[in-house]
Amino acid sequence: MDLRGILGNRLGMLQGLKSQRRVHRSRGTVRRQVCVLGILLAAAILLRDATAMFGLSSFAAGMSLSEADLHSLERLLFLPPVAYATGAFGSRGGGGTLIFAAAVMIARAAMGPTDQAPQSLLQTAGVTMTGGLFVLWLASESRRADTAGGTVKQILMAQERKQQRIARELHDDTVQSLYVIAQGLDRVASNDDERMDAKTASELSKIRGTALQTVTGLRRLIQDLRPHVLSDMGFVPALEWMVDDHAKRYATAARLELRGRLPVLSQKAQLLLWRIAQEAMRNSGKYADASEILVTLDSAESTFRMVVADSGKGFDPRQVLRDSHRTGRMGILSMQERTALLGGSFEIHAEPGKGSVITVEIPLKPAD
């Protein structure tokens, strides 16, 4: 399987789609939303004139709808534009539309028949309160989402601190103790004591070798928990080290490609992107049985993109996400959450038997 060709085709398709979406959002979405909102408001405001203009009065009479009923329907028709504006432009847009609708309804009630004014004002108040409650509900949901995002950030940052503490304790205590044990075993095994037979000396040497292998494994674990190479060497050299280490650990043809001039990322972005790449490559090594893995970094316009692609056996992302809580495999969720902390987008394109492509794209802020 030509991993470079697969990645190139998929990246080309993704870049084309994203550029189209970006242009569409920047040039057309707001204009279309304003037009839709204007149509909804016009429909509510002009209902009274439309009944006369298009000969709907007889239809309304056939439906047993009085003039007061039409006025009530007109006021209710102000709720859809308020709901649409709230969904499209947020609580401020919904609140502004609600104020405009309330002003129109109050003016219509004031200019209407005197005997219907109390009922009209009461209905106006009811519609305004309903719209106001909807706007407030959406604002509270938005705050709840922001709070949830802040909670996720706190959890991830607390996780980073905990990993650093565990790494320090492993390095300062466990690794040093194993070194002392290995040195003691080495001294005992090399002692020319006639009471120690060759078999015992050989067993001690094996135990010493096992202790040193454990130290090597712990050092690798410490590096995963607290990536000194990231702070010492920088993001790109650290990622090169990770790719080389992955190739040695899993006997895989792993490589890193840089495309164009890469920006300087903030420390937060470097750490989170490092963790995402680490998780993606770890999953590829453990579960994908891939013979080749390619990590690419590039930037376009005001975005930075990292892609991790492998030629493994692939998987069904939706099935993995559904089973994540049951299996305890939270890798995809953790990558999504870390991407969200950077305000970016996270995408997985994977199929059983066709490998996988993980794309992370983050905006470049002035701080980066």
Protein backbone atom coordinates (compact mmCIF):
# COMPACT_ATOMS: atom_id res chain seq x y z
CA MET A 1 0.00 0.00 0.00
CA ASP A 2 1.43 3.37 -1.06
CA LEU A 3 1.00 5.42 2.09
CA ARG A 4 2.34 8.60 0.51
CA GLY A 5 -0.19 8.35 -2.32
CA ILE A 6 -3.08 7.64 0.04
CA LEU A 7 -2.12 10.51 2.30
CA GLY A 8 -1.64 12.87 -0.64
CA ASN A 9 -5.05 12.04 -2.12
CA ARG A 10 -6.84 12.37 1.18
CA LEU A 11 -5.04 15.55 2.15
CA GLY A 12 -5.80 17.05 -1.24
CA MET A 13 -9.45 16.20 -0.87
CA LEU A 14 -9.57 17.53 2.69
CA GLN A 15 -7.76 20.74 1.81
CA GLY A 16 -10.10 21.34 -1.11
CA LEU A 17 -13.17 20.76 1.02
CA LYS A 18 -11.85 22.89 3.86
CA SER A 19 -10.89 25.77 1.59
CA GLN A 20 -14.36 25.67 0.05
CA ARG A 21 -15.95 25.64 3.49
CA ARG A 22 -13.71 28.47 4.67
CA VAL A 23 -14.56 30.66 1.68
CA HIS A 24 -18.21 29.74 1.98
CA ARG A 25 -18.29 30.64 5.66
CA SER A 26 -16.41 33.88 5.26
CA ARG A 27 -18.33 35.16 2.25
CA GLY A 28 -21.69 33.49 2.11
CA THR A 29 -22.87 32.11 5.42
CA VAL A 30 -23.47 35.38 7.26
CA ARG A 31 -25.12 36.91 4.21
CA ARG A 32 -27.41 33.93 3.84
CA GLN A 33 -28.29 33.94 7.53
CA VAL A 34 -29.16 37.64 7.40
CA CYS A 35 -31.34 37.04 4.34
CA VAL A 36 -33.19 34.18 6.02
CA LEU A 37 -33.72 36.28 9.14
CA GLY A 38 -35.00 39.17 7.02
CA ILE A 39 -37.46 36.86 5.23
CA LEU A 40 -38.78 35.50 8.53
CA LEU A 41 -39.22 38.99 9.96
CA ALA A 42 -40.85 40.21 6.78
CA ALA A 43 -43.27 37.27 6.84
CA ALA A 44 -44.27 38.14 10.40
CA ILE A 45 -44.58 41.88 9.74
CA LEU A 46 -46.40 41.63 6.40
CA LEU A 47 -48.85 38.86 7.31
CA ARG A 48 -51.64 41.35 7.77
CA ASP A 49 -51.05 42.96 4.37
CA ALA A 50 -50.51 39.60 2.67
CA THR A 51 -53.97 38.37 3.62
CA ALA A 52 -55.51 41.26 1.75
CA MET A 53 -52.97 41.32 -1.11
CA PHE A 54 -53.31 37.67 -2.05
CA GLY A 55 -57.00 37.30 -1.29
CA LEU A 56 -56.49 35.20 1.80
CA SER A 57 -59.19 36.94 3.80
CA SER A 58 -61.88 34.64 2.40
CA PHE A 59 -59.64 31.65 3.15
CA ALA A 60 -59.22 32.89 6.71
CA ALA A 61 -62.96 33.37 7.02
CA GLY A 62 -63.51 29.82 5.77
CA MET A 63 -61.15 28.62 8.49
CA SER A 64 -63.19 30.57 11.05
CA LEU A 65 -60.25 32.88 11.74
CA SER A 66 -61.24 36.32 12.93
CA GLU A 67 -59.18 39.49 12.57
CA ALA A 68 -58.06 39.08 16.17
CA ASP A 69 -56.95 35.52 15.44
CA LEU A 70 -54.86 36.74 12.53
CA HIS A 71 -53.25 39.36 14.75
CA SER A 72 -52.46 36.67 17.33
CA LEU A 73 -50.93 34.48 14.61
CA GLU A 74 -48.92 37.47 13.45
CA ARG A 75 -47.44 37.90 16.92
CA LEU A 76 -46.63 34.19 17.19
CA LEU A 77 -44.80 34.38 13.87
CA PHE A 78 -42.22 36.62 15.52
CA LEU A 79 -40.96 33.64 17.54
CA PRO A 80 -39.34 31.76 14.60
CA PRO A 81 -37.08 34.74 13.65
CA VAL A 82 -36.06 35.13 17.30
CA ALA A 83 -35.22 31.43 17.55
CA TYR A 84 -33.33 31.51 14.24
CA ALA A 85 -31.36 34.63 15.17
CA THR A 86 -30.44 33.09 18.51
CA GLY A 87 -29.18 29.92 16.87
CA ALA A 88 -27.35 31.75 14.07
CA PHE A 89 -25.92 34.76 15.92
CA GLY A 90 -26.04 33.78 19.57
CA SER A 91 -27.85 35.37 22.48
CA ARG A 92 -27.01 38.90 21.35
CA GLY A 93 -28.51 38.33 17.93
CA GLY A 94 -31.57 36.71 19.46
CA GLY A 95 -31.96 39.49 22.02
CA GLY A 96 -31.69 42.20 19.37
CA THR A 97 -34.25 40.47 17.16
CA LEU A 98 -36.56 40.04 20.15
CA ILE A 99 -36.35 43.75 20.98
CA PHE A 100 -37.14 44.66 17.37
CA ALA A 101 -40.06 42.22 17.28
CA ALA A 102 -41.42 43.53 20.60
CA ALA A 103 -41.22 47.13 19.31
CA VAL A 104 -43.16 46.18 16.15
CA MET A 105 -45.79 44.26 18.12
CA ILE A 106 -46.27 47.10 20.63
CA ALA A 107 -46.59 49.64 17.81
CA ARG A 108 -49.14 47.44 16.03
CA ALA A 109 -51.10 47.00 19.27
CA ALA A 110 -51.07 50.74 19.91
CA MET A 111 -52.32 51.49 16.39
CA GLY A 112 -54.98 48.77 16.46
CA PRO A 113 -58.56 48.92 17.70
CA THR A 114 -58.85 50.36 21.19
CA ASP A 115 -61.04 47.54 22.47
CA GLN A 116 -58.42 44.95 21.45
CA ALA A 117 -55.43 46.84 22.89
CA PRO A 118 -55.35 45.07 26.31
CA GLN A 119 -55.50 41.63 24.70
CA SER A 120 -52.92 42.63 22.10
CA LEU A 121 -50.52 43.95 24.71
CA LEU A 122 -51.01 40.83 26.82
CA GLN A 123 -50.24 38.59 23.84
CA THR A 124 -47.22 40.76 23.01
CA ALA A 125 -45.97 40.34 26.56
CA GLY A 126 -46.46 36.57 26.34
CA VAL A 127 -44.60 36.27 23.04
CA THR A 128 -41.80 38.52 24.32
CA MET A 129 -41.45 36.48 27.52
CA THR A 130 -41.38 33.22 25.54
CA GLY A 131 -38.70 34.58 23.22
CA GLY A 132 -36.76 35.97 26.18
CA LEU A 133 -36.83 32.62 27.97
CA PHE A 134 -35.51 30.92 24.84
CA VAL A 135 -32.67 33.42 24.52
CA LEU A 136 -31.80 33.02 28.20
CA TRP A 137 -31.89 29.24 27.89
CA LEU A 138 -29.49 29.32 24.97
CA ALA A 139 -27.19 31.71 26.85
CA SER A 140 -27.15 29.36 29.84
CA GLU A 141 -26.39 26.39 27.57
CA SER A 142 -23.54 28.35 26.02
CA ARG A 143 -22.14 29.15 29.48
CA ARG A 144 -22.51 25.51 30.47
CA ALA A 145 -20.58 24.45 27.37
CA ASP A 146 -17.86 26.99 28.19
CA THR A 147 -17.75 25.69 31.76
CA ALA A 148 -17.50 22.12 30.49
CA GLY A 149 -14.66 23.16 28.20
CA GLY A 150 -12.91 24.80 31.14
CA THR A 151 -13.41 21.65 33.19
CA VAL A 152 -11.87 19.50 30.45
CA LYS A 153 -8.93 21.88 30.28
CA GLN A 154 -8.45 21.70 34.04
CA ILE A 155 -8.61 17.90 33.95
CA LEU A 156 -6.04 17.67 31.16
CA MET A 157 -3.71 20.15 32.85
CA ALA A 158 -4.09 18.28 36.15
CA GLN A 159 -3.30 15.09 34.26
CA GLU A 160 -0.13 16.67 32.88
CA ARG A 161 0.96 17.73 36.38
CA LYS A 162 0.25 14.27 37.75
CA GLN A 163 2.25 12.64 34.96
CA GLN A 164 5.19 14.96 35.67
CA ARG A 165 5.02 14.13 39.38
CA ILE A 166 4.95 10.38 38.67
CA ALA A 167 7.86 10.77 36.24
CA ARG A 168 9.94 12.60 38.88
CA GLU A 169 9.20 9.95 41.49
CA LEU A 170 10.08 7.13 39.10
CA HIS A 171 13.33 8.83 38.17
CA ASP A 172 14.36 9.86 41.67
CA ASP A 173 13.31 6.70 43.51
CA THR A 174 12.56 3.64 41.40
CA VAL A 175 15.22 4.06 38.70
CA GLN A 176 17.93 4.95 41.20
CA SER A 177 17.02 1.98 43.39
CA LEU A 178 17.18 -0.38 40.42
CA TYR A 179 20.60 1.01 39.53
CA VAL A 180 21.82 0.33 43.08
CA ILE A 181 20.44 -3.22 42.88
CA ALA A 182 22.11 -3.80 39.51
CA GLN A 183 25.44 -2.51 40.79
CA GLY A 184 25.18 -4.70 43.88
CA LEU A 185 24.40 -7.75 41.76
CA ASP A 186 27.32 -6.89 39.50
CA ARG A 187 29.70 -6.76 42.45
CA VAL A 188 28.43 -10.03 43.85
CA ALA A 189 28.57 -11.81 40.46
CA SER A 190 32.11 -10.58 39.77
CA ASN A 191 33.40 -11.52 43.24
CA ASP A 192 35.95 -14.32 43.18
CA ASP A 193 34.29 -16.13 46.03
CA GLU A 194 34.96 -19.86 45.73
CA ARG A 195 31.73 -20.60 47.55
CA MET A 196 29.68 -19.25 44.62
CA ASP A 197 29.32 -21.74 41.77
CA ALA A 198 29.07 -20.78 38.12
CA LYS A 199 25.33 -21.38 37.96
CA THR A 200 24.62 -18.94 40.78
CA ALA A 201 26.87 -16.33 39.19
CA SER A 202 25.04 -16.78 35.88
CA GLU A 203 21.64 -16.37 37.54
CA LEU A 204 22.81 -13.19 39.27
CA SER A 205 24.03 -11.85 35.95
CA LYS A 206 20.64 -12.56 34.37
CA ILE A 207 18.87 -10.79 37.23
CA ARG A 208 21.21 -7.83 36.76
CA GLY A 209 20.39 -7.77 33.03
CA THR A 210 16.67 -7.84 33.82
CA ALA A 211 17.08 -4.93 36.23
CA LEU A 212 18.89 -2.89 33.58
CA GLN A 213 16.19 -3.72 31.02
CA THR A 214 13.61 -2.53 33.52
CA VAL A 215 15.56 0.70 33.96
CA THR A 216 15.53 1.19 30.17
CA GLY A 217 11.79 0.61 30.06
CA LEU A 218 11.22 2.99 32.95
CA ARG A 219 13.33 5.67 31.27
CA ARG A 220 11.18 5.33 28.17
CA LEU A 221 8.04 5.57 30.30
CA ILE A 222 9.43 8.65 32.06
CA GLN A 223 10.10 10.24 28.68
CA ASP A 224 6.50 9.55 27.67
CA LEU A 225 5.17 10.99 30.91
CA ARG A 226 7.43 14.04 30.97
CA PRO A 227 8.92 14.78 27.55
CA HIS A 228 12.19 16.52 28.42
CA VAL A 229 13.15 16.30 24.78
CA LEU A 230 10.28 18.66 23.95
CA SER A 231 11.49 21.42 26.27
CA ASP A 232 15.17 20.78 25.55
CA MET A 233 15.10 20.47 21.77
CA GLY A 234 11.88 22.06 20.53
CA PHE A 235 8.77 20.70 18.85
CA VAL A 236 10.08 19.51 15.47
CA PRO A 237 13.29 17.84 16.78
CA ALA A 238 11.28 16.25 19.57
CA LEU A 239 8.78 14.92 17.04
CA GLU A 240 11.66 13.54 14.95
CA TRP A 241 12.95 11.77 18.05
CA MET A 242 9.47 10.34 18.69
CA VAL A 243 9.20 9.06 15.11
CA ASP A 244 12.66 7.44 15.26
CA ASP A 245 11.87 5.88 18.64
CA HIS A 246 8.57 4.54 17.28
CA ALA A 247 10.38 3.00 14.30
CA LYS A 248 12.81 1.20 16.60
CA ARG A 249 10.22 0.13 19.13
CA TYR A 250 7.71 -1.31 16.63
CA ALA A 251 10.05 -2.15 13.72
CA THR A 252 8.05 0.17 11.47
CA ALA A 253 9.08 2.43 8.60
CA ALA A 254 8.18 5.69 10.35
CA ARG A 255 9.17 9.11 9.07
CA LEU A 256 8.43 12.79 9.51
CA GLU A 257 7.86 15.23 6.65
CA LEU A 258 7.87 19.03 6.91
CA ARG A 259 6.07 21.02 4.26
CA GLY A 260 6.85 24.69 3.86
CA ARG A 261 7.88 27.14 6.53
CA LEU A 262 6.48 26.15 9.89
CA PRO A 263 5.43 28.76 12.45
CA VAL A 264 6.67 29.03 16.02
CA LEU A 265 4.04 27.47 18.28
CA SER A 266 3.27 28.34 21.86
CA GLN A 267 4.43 25.96 24.58
CA LYS A 268 0.83 24.92 25.22
CA ALA A 269 0.30 24.11 21.54
CA GLN A 270 3.57 22.19 21.35
CA LEU A 271 2.72 20.07 24.39
CA LEU A 272 -0.83 19.28 23.28
CA LEU A 273 0.21 18.48 19.71
CA TRP A 274 3.01 16.30 21.09
CA ARG A 275 0.47 14.38 23.17
CA ILE A 276 -1.84 13.97 20.17
CA ALA A 277 0.98 12.64 18.00
CA GLN A 278 2.12 10.39 20.84
CA GLU A 279 -1.37 8.91 21.26
CA ALA A 280 -1.89 8.46 17.53
CA MET A 281 1.45 6.71 17.04
CA ARG A 282 0.99 4.58 20.16
CA ASN A 283 -2.41 3.40 18.90
CA SER A 284 -0.90 2.67 15.49
CA GLY A 285 1.89 0.63 17.04
CA LYS A 286 -0.35 -1.34 19.40
CA TYR A 287 -3.44 -2.00 17.31
CA ALA A 288 -2.91 -1.17 13.63
CA ASP A 289 -0.11 -3.63 12.80
CA ALA A 290 1.15 -0.99 10.37
CA SER A 291 4.28 -1.44 8.27
CA GLU A 292 4.54 2.27 7.54
CA ILE A 293 3.60 5.47 9.36
CA LEU A 294 3.97 9.02 8.11
CA VAL A 295 3.72 12.22 10.16
CA THR A 296 3.44 15.48 8.22
CA LEU A 297 3.52 19.08 9.45
CA ASP A 298 2.50 22.05 7.36
CA SER A 299 0.86 25.45 7.66
CA ALA A 300 -1.51 27.27 5.33
CA GLU A 301 -2.83 30.78 5.74
CA SER A 302 -3.61 31.13 9.42
CA THR A 303 -3.69 27.43 10.33
CA PHE A 304 -1.23 24.74 11.36
CA ARG A 305 -1.86 21.14 10.35
CA MET A 306 -0.48 17.86 11.68
CA VAL A 307 -1.37 14.58 10.01
CA VAL A 308 -0.56 11.08 11.26
CA ALA A 309 -1.22 8.38 8.66
CA ASP A 310 -0.51 4.66 8.76
CA SER A 311 -0.87 1.69 6.43
CA GLY A 312 -2.32 -0.57 9.11
CA LYS A 313 -5.44 -2.65 9.23
CA GLY A 314 -7.65 0.35 9.94
CA PHE A 315 -10.76 0.53 12.10
CA ASP A 316 -14.27 1.95 12.33
CA PRO A 317 -13.95 5.26 14.26
CA ARG A 318 -17.63 5.35 15.19
CA GLN A 319 -17.51 1.84 16.60
CA VAL A 320 -14.36 2.65 18.59
CA LEU A 321 -15.99 5.77 20.04
CA ARG A 322 -19.13 3.84 20.96
CA ASP A 323 -17.09 1.14 22.72
CA SER A 324 -14.58 3.51 24.35
CA HIS A 325 -16.22 3.56 27.79
CA ARG A 326 -16.66 -0.21 27.81
CA THR A 327 -13.15 -1.03 26.60
CA GLY A 328 -11.40 1.83 28.40
CA ARG A 329 -9.66 2.89 25.18
CA MET A 330 -10.04 6.68 25.40
CA GLY A 331 -7.31 7.61 22.94
CA ILE A 332 -9.57 9.19 20.31
CA LEU A 333 -11.49 11.14 22.95
CA SER A 334 -8.29 12.46 24.51
CA MET A 335 -7.02 13.59 21.10
CA GLN A 336 -10.32 15.32 20.41
CA GLU A 337 -10.26 17.09 23.77
CA ARG A 338 -6.69 18.28 23.35
CA THR A 339 -7.50 19.58 19.88
CA ALA A 340 -10.53 21.40 21.26
CA LEU A 341 -8.33 23.09 23.87
CA LEU A 342 -6.39 24.61 20.96
CA GLY A 343 -9.59 25.70 19.22
CA GLY A 344 -8.88 23.36 16.32
CA SER A 345 -10.56 20.63 14.31
CA PHE A 346 -9.94 16.90 14.65
CA GLU A 347 -10.78 14.41 11.91
CA ILE A 348 -10.27 10.68 11.46
CA HIS A 349 -10.53 8.97 8.09
CA ALA A 350 -10.22 5.24 8.61
CA GLU A 351 -11.72 2.07 7.22
CA PRO A 352 -11.07 -1.56 8.09
CA GLY A 353 -8.25 -2.81 5.89
CA LYS A 354 -7.40 0.65 4.49
CA GLY A 355 -5.28 2.26 7.19
CA SER A 356 -6.09 5.51 8.95
CA VAL A 357 -5.40 9.22 8.59
CA ILE A 358 -5.69 11.50 11.64
CA THR A 359 -5.75 15.22 10.86
CA VAL A 360 -5.42 17.97 13.45
CA GLU A 361 -5.75 21.57 12.30
CA ILE A 362 -5.42 24.47 14.72
CA PRO A 363 -5.68 28.23 14.21
CA LEU A 364 -2.51 30.26 14.50
CA LYS A 365 -3.07 32.98 17.07
CA PRO A 366 -0.81 35.97 17.67
CA ALA A 367 0.56 34.18 20.74
CA ASP A 368 1.73 31.35 18.48
